[in-house]
């Protein structure tokens, strides 16, 4: 973990309620796809945890959904500096992916799949990506994944774009390993449908973001783990789904 000051270079609307922010500065602590940052906002006690979409040289890209007063304030920012905790969380393990990994992102779980796809493709892997949304108006980053060279499939719950249904309706393909991020109900459905080992990135409410407050702990096969520090990525074999 590293606390840094990053400068806003872009804050662009991608869809209604979804923004892309590019920040510039020391991002050396971000080393793995799946890690997140925690952003301090004036007037708010708790920082805002947001997954990393991409890193390149001294530029960090995040994509966030405007869901409350904190992210509303972020969406209005076009310049200035932010106090950011970087390099949080464990990130995905790329070494176990095999030759044909499948990446599955749902809604706000799509952004971390981008850096992961870019790193896997750089390793020469044959990457397939499933992006799940509720409706066509919510779809983002399909073109960016295509430009990386990934095979991209989009699903929408209402059938207004791509395959009608959920991400699990597009999983009937050969793959050597899978990575996924999204809401818990989607993760459980992917778990039940999956035919290989994989890694899951969990979205949880967080207090501190670095393991001190124990507010985001969960039970696993190997004992309690903190989503912010021991996660957010957990392996398929260790997950215990709460009833």
Protein backbone atom coordinates (compact mmCIF):
# COMPACT_ATOMS: atom_id res chain seq x y z
CA UNK A 1 0.00 0.00 0.00
CA UNK A 2 1.19 3.49 -0.83
CA UNK A 3 -0.45 6.86 -0.15
CA UNK A 4 0.04 9.25 -3.05
CA UNK A 5 -1.36 12.44 -4.57
CA UNK A 6 -2.66 11.89 -8.10
CA UNK A 7 -3.78 14.57 -10.56
CA UNK A 8 -7.03 14.28 -12.52
CA UNK A 9 -6.32 14.24 -16.26
CA UNK A 10 -9.71 13.02 -17.50
CA UNK A 11 -13.15 12.43 -16.02
CA UNK A 12 -15.39 11.29 -18.84
CA UNK A 13 -18.94 9.96 -18.99
CA UNK A 14 -19.10 6.49 -20.60
CA UNK A 15 -22.80 5.75 -20.08
CA UNK A 16 -25.55 7.23 -17.95
CA UNK A 17 -24.15 6.92 -14.43
CA UNK A 18 -20.77 5.41 -15.37
CA UNK A 19 -17.60 7.53 -15.48
CA UNK A 20 -13.98 6.97 -16.47
CA UNK A 21 -11.31 8.89 -14.58
CA UNK A 22 -7.64 8.97 -15.53
CA UNK A 23 -5.18 9.96 -12.82
CA UNK A 24 -1.51 10.80 -13.20
CA UNK A 25 1.32 10.38 -10.70
CA UNK A 26 3.19 7.68 -8.80
CA UNK A 27 1.29 4.43 -9.41
CA UNK A 28 4.22 2.10 -8.73
CA UNK A 29 2.34 0.29 -5.94
CA UNK A 30 -0.24 -1.06 -8.40
CA UNK A 31 1.32 -4.32 -9.57
CA UNK A 32 -1.52 -6.78 -10.29
CA UNK A 33 -4.84 -6.76 -12.16
CA UNK A 34 -7.66 -6.94 -9.64
CA UNK A 35 -6.14 -4.55 -7.12
CA UNK A 36 -8.04 -1.42 -6.07
CA UNK A 37 -7.46 2.12 -4.85
CA UNK A 38 -9.11 4.03 -2.01
CA UNK A 39 -9.86 7.69 -2.71
CA UNK A 40 -10.23 10.41 -0.10
CA UNK A 41 -12.86 13.05 -0.82
CA UNK A 42 -13.19 16.33 1.07
CA UNK A 43 -16.26 16.31 3.29
CA UNK A 44 -16.49 12.51 3.55
CA UNK A 45 -15.13 10.43 6.42
CA UNK A 46 -14.66 7.15 4.55
CA UNK A 47 -12.59 6.78 1.40
CA UNK A 48 -14.17 5.37 -1.78
CA UNK A 49 -12.74 1.96 -2.87
CA UNK A 50 -12.63 1.60 -6.67
CA UNK A 51 -11.07 -1.18 -8.74
CA UNK A 52 -8.21 -0.46 -11.13
CA UNK A 53 -9.14 -0.66 -14.81
CA UNK A 54 -5.72 0.01 -16.30
CA UNK A 55 -2.21 1.23 -15.49
CA UNK A 56 0.32 2.49 -18.01
CA UNK A 57 3.55 4.32 -17.16
CA UNK A 58 2.37 7.02 -14.72
CA UNK A 59 -1.36 6.88 -15.58
CA UNK A 60 -4.04 5.07 -13.59
CA UNK A 61 -7.51 4.50 -15.07
CA UNK A 62 -10.57 3.80 -12.96
CA UNK A 63 -14.19 3.32 -14.03
CA UNK A 64 -16.83 3.97 -11.40
CA UNK A 65 -20.60 3.99 -11.09
CA UNK A 66 -22.28 7.08 -9.66
CA UNK A 67 -24.34 5.62 -6.83
CA UNK A 68 -24.17 8.11 -3.94
CA UNK A 69 -23.03 11.54 -2.80
CA UNK A 70 -19.33 10.59 -2.82
CA UNK A 71 -19.27 9.35 -6.40
CA UNK A 72 -21.54 12.25 -7.40
CA UNK A 73 -18.83 14.58 -6.15
CA UNK A 74 -16.18 12.62 -8.06
CA UNK A 75 -18.24 12.80 -11.25
CA UNK A 76 -18.25 16.61 -11.08
CA UNK A 77 -14.45 16.88 -10.83
CA UNK A 78 -12.63 17.90 -14.00
CA UNK A 79 -9.29 18.91 -12.50
CA UNK A 80 -7.40 18.91 -9.22
CA UNK A 81 -5.51 16.45 -7.04
CA UNK A 82 -6.75 13.45 -5.08
CA UNK A 83 -5.30 11.72 -2.01
CA UNK A 84 -5.25 8.05 -3.00
CA UNK A 85 -4.21 4.82 -1.28
CA UNK A 86 -2.82 2.64 -4.09
CA UNK A 87 -1.83 -0.99 -4.47
CA UNK A 88 -4.59 -2.34 -2.22
CA UNK A 89 -5.74 -5.96 -2.33
CA UNK A 90 -4.09 -9.10 -3.65
CA UNK A 91 -5.08 -9.07 -7.33
CA UNK A 92 -5.38 -12.00 -9.74
CA UNK A 93 -2.79 -14.74 -10.18
CA UNK A 94 -2.02 -14.91 -13.92
CA UNK A 95 0.35 -17.87 -13.76
CA UNK A 96 -2.43 -20.49 -13.45
CA UNK A 97 -4.56 -19.35 -16.41
CA UNK A 98 -3.60 -21.96 -18.99
CA UNK A 99 -3.72 -21.13 -22.70
CA UNK A 100 -7.39 -20.17 -23.02
CA UNK A 101 -8.61 -18.20 -19.98
CA UNK A 102 -12.18 -16.90 -19.74
CA UNK A 103 -12.81 -13.49 -18.15
CA UNK A 104 -16.31 -12.71 -16.87
CA UNK A 105 -17.32 -9.23 -15.72
CA UNK A 106 -20.74 -7.98 -14.71
CA UNK A 107 -21.55 -4.25 -14.59
CA UNK A 108 -19.12 -2.56 -12.21
CA UNK A 109 -17.10 -5.80 -12.31
CA UNK A 110 -16.07 -5.18 -15.92
CA UNK A 111 -13.22 -2.66 -15.35
CA UNK A 112 -10.69 -4.96 -13.60
CA UNK A 113 -11.08 -7.45 -16.45
CA UNK A 114 -9.48 -4.95 -18.84
CA UNK A 115 -6.01 -4.83 -17.30
CA UNK A 116 -6.21 -8.57 -16.71
CA UNK A 117 -7.05 -9.20 -20.38
CA UNK A 118 -4.24 -6.93 -21.52
CA UNK A 119 -1.67 -8.71 -19.35
CA UNK A 120 -2.84 -12.21 -20.38
CA UNK A 121 -2.84 -11.32 -24.09
CA UNK A 122 0.68 -9.94 -23.70
CA UNK A 123 1.64 -13.39 -22.41
CA UNK A 124 0.29 -14.91 -25.64
CA UNK A 125 -2.91 -16.33 -24.15
CA UNK A 126 -6.10 -16.83 -26.16
CA UNK A 127 -8.45 -14.67 -24.07
CA UNK A 128 -12.25 -14.73 -24.17
CA UNK A 129 -14.29 -12.09 -22.32
CA UNK A 130 -17.96 -12.11 -21.32
CA UNK A 131 -19.37 -8.71 -20.37
CA UNK A 132 -22.76 -8.69 -18.65
CA UNK A 133 -25.17 -5.75 -18.38
CA UNK A 134 -28.88 -5.18 -17.78
CA UNK A 135 -29.60 -3.31 -21.00
CA UNK A 136 -27.90 -1.92 -24.14
CA UNK A 137 -27.66 1.59 -22.67
CA UNK A 138 -25.33 0.28 -19.94
CA UNK A 139 -22.78 -1.41 -22.21
CA UNK A 140 -19.25 -0.02 -22.05
CA UNK A 141 -15.71 -1.06 -23.05
CA UNK A 142 -16.75 -3.66 -25.64
CA UNK A 143 -14.63 -1.91 -28.29
CA UNK A 144 -11.67 -1.53 -25.95
CA UNK A 145 -11.58 -5.28 -25.25
CA UNK A 146 -11.89 -6.00 -28.97
CA UNK A 147 -8.95 -3.69 -29.68
CA UNK A 148 -6.82 -5.73 -27.27
CA UNK A 149 -7.45 -8.81 -29.41
CA UNK A 150 -9.80 -10.63 -27.05
CA UNK A 151 -12.86 -12.57 -28.16
CA UNK A 152 -15.71 -10.51 -26.68
CA UNK A 153 -19.27 -11.61 -25.91
CA UNK A 154 -21.84 -9.19 -24.48
CA UNK A 155 -24.99 -10.28 -22.65
CA UNK A 156 -27.92 -8.11 -21.60
CA UNK A 157 -30.67 -9.24 -19.25
CA UNK A 158 -33.39 -7.67 -21.40
CA UNK A 159 -31.95 -8.87 -24.73
CA UNK A 160 -31.57 -5.35 -26.12
CA UNK A 161 -27.96 -6.05 -27.14
CA UNK A 162 -25.84 -9.15 -27.63
CA UNK A 163 -27.01 -12.41 -26.09
CA UNK A 164 -30.24 -12.23 -24.11
CA UNK A 165 -29.71 -13.40 -20.54
CA UNK A 166 -26.91 -13.46 -18.03
CA UNK A 167 -23.17 -14.07 -18.25
CA UNK A 168 -23.73 -17.74 -17.42
CA UNK A 169 -25.76 -18.09 -20.64
CA UNK A 170 -22.56 -17.41 -22.61
CA UNK A 171 -20.23 -19.71 -20.70
CA UNK A 172 -20.73 -22.80 -22.86
CA UNK A 173 -17.30 -22.69 -24.50
CA UNK A 174 -13.98 -24.44 -23.90
CA UNK A 175 -11.68 -22.62 -21.48
CA UNK A 176 -8.73 -23.59 -19.33
CA UNK A 177 -9.40 -21.30 -16.35
CA UNK A 178 -11.68 -18.39 -15.47
CA UNK A 179 -11.53 -15.04 -13.70
CA UNK A 180 -14.61 -13.11 -12.65
CA UNK A 181 -15.77 -9.94 -10.89
CA UNK A 182 -19.28 -8.67 -10.25
CA UNK A 183 -22.20 -8.72 -7.82
CA UNK A 184 -22.36 -11.66 -5.42
CA UNK A 185 -25.42 -13.25 -7.06
CA UNK A 186 -23.57 -13.32 -10.39
CA UNK A 187 -20.44 -14.77 -8.78
CA UNK A 188 -22.48 -17.59 -7.21
CA UNK A 189 -24.11 -18.35 -10.57
CA UNK A 190 -20.67 -18.44 -12.26
CA UNK A 191 -19.39 -20.72 -9.50
CA UNK A 192 -22.27 -23.16 -10.09
CA UNK A 193 -21.90 -23.10 -13.89
CA UNK A 194 -18.09 -23.19 -14.12
CA UNK A 195 -16.22 -26.24 -15.42
CA UNK A 196 -12.71 -25.36 -14.26
CA UNK A 197 -10.81 -23.75 -11.42
CA UNK A 198 -11.01 -19.98 -11.20
CA UNK A 199 -10.68 -16.79 -9.20
CA UNK A 200 -13.44 -14.50 -7.90
CA UNK A 201 -13.15 -10.82 -7.03
CA UNK A 202 -15.71 -9.83 -4.40
CA UNK A 203 -17.35 -6.44 -3.98
CA UNK A 204 -17.85 -5.52 -0.31
CA UNK A 205 -18.48 -2.38 1.71
CA UNK A 206 -15.16 -1.34 3.23
CA UNK A 207 -14.16 0.92 6.09
CA UNK A 208 -10.39 1.34 6.07
CA UNK A 209 -9.54 -0.61 2.90
CA UNK A 210 -6.31 -2.10 4.26
CA UNK A 211 -7.35 -4.70 6.85
CA UNK A 212 -7.37 -2.75 10.11
CA UNK A 213 -11.09 -2.44 10.85
CA UNK A 214 -12.13 -6.06 10.03
CA UNK A 215 -15.39 -4.68 8.62
CA UNK A 216 -15.27 -6.72 5.40
CA UNK A 217 -14.20 -10.11 6.74
CA UNK A 218 -15.74 -13.27 5.31
CA UNK A 219 -15.57 -16.96 6.08
CA UNK A 220 -13.52 -19.24 3.82
CA UNK A 221 -12.36 -22.85 3.87
CA UNK A 222 -9.08 -21.62 5.34
CA UNK A 223 -10.60 -19.35 8.02
CA UNK A 224 -11.80 -15.76 8.06
CA UNK A 225 -10.32 -13.46 5.43
CA UNK A 226 -10.55 -9.70 4.95
CA UNK A 227 -11.85 -8.85 1.47
CA UNK A 228 -9.83 -5.62 1.37
CA UNK A 229 -6.46 -7.16 2.31
CA UNK A 230 -6.58 -10.96 1.92
CA UNK A 231 -8.87 -10.42 -1.10
CA UNK A 232 -10.67 -9.07 -2.98
CA UNK A 233 -9.66 -12.10 -5.06
CA UNK A 234 -10.45 -15.54 -3.66
CA UNK A 235 -9.89 -18.89 -5.34
CA UNK A 236 -12.82 -21.11 -6.22
CA UNK A 237 -11.77 -23.94 -3.91
CA UNK A 238 -11.70 -21.78 -0.76
CA UNK A 239 -15.07 -20.04 -1.10
CA UNK A 240 -17.88 -20.85 1.36
CA UNK A 241 -21.17 -19.42 0.17
CA UNK A 242 -23.33 -18.10 3.01
CA UNK A 243 -26.91 -19.40 2.96
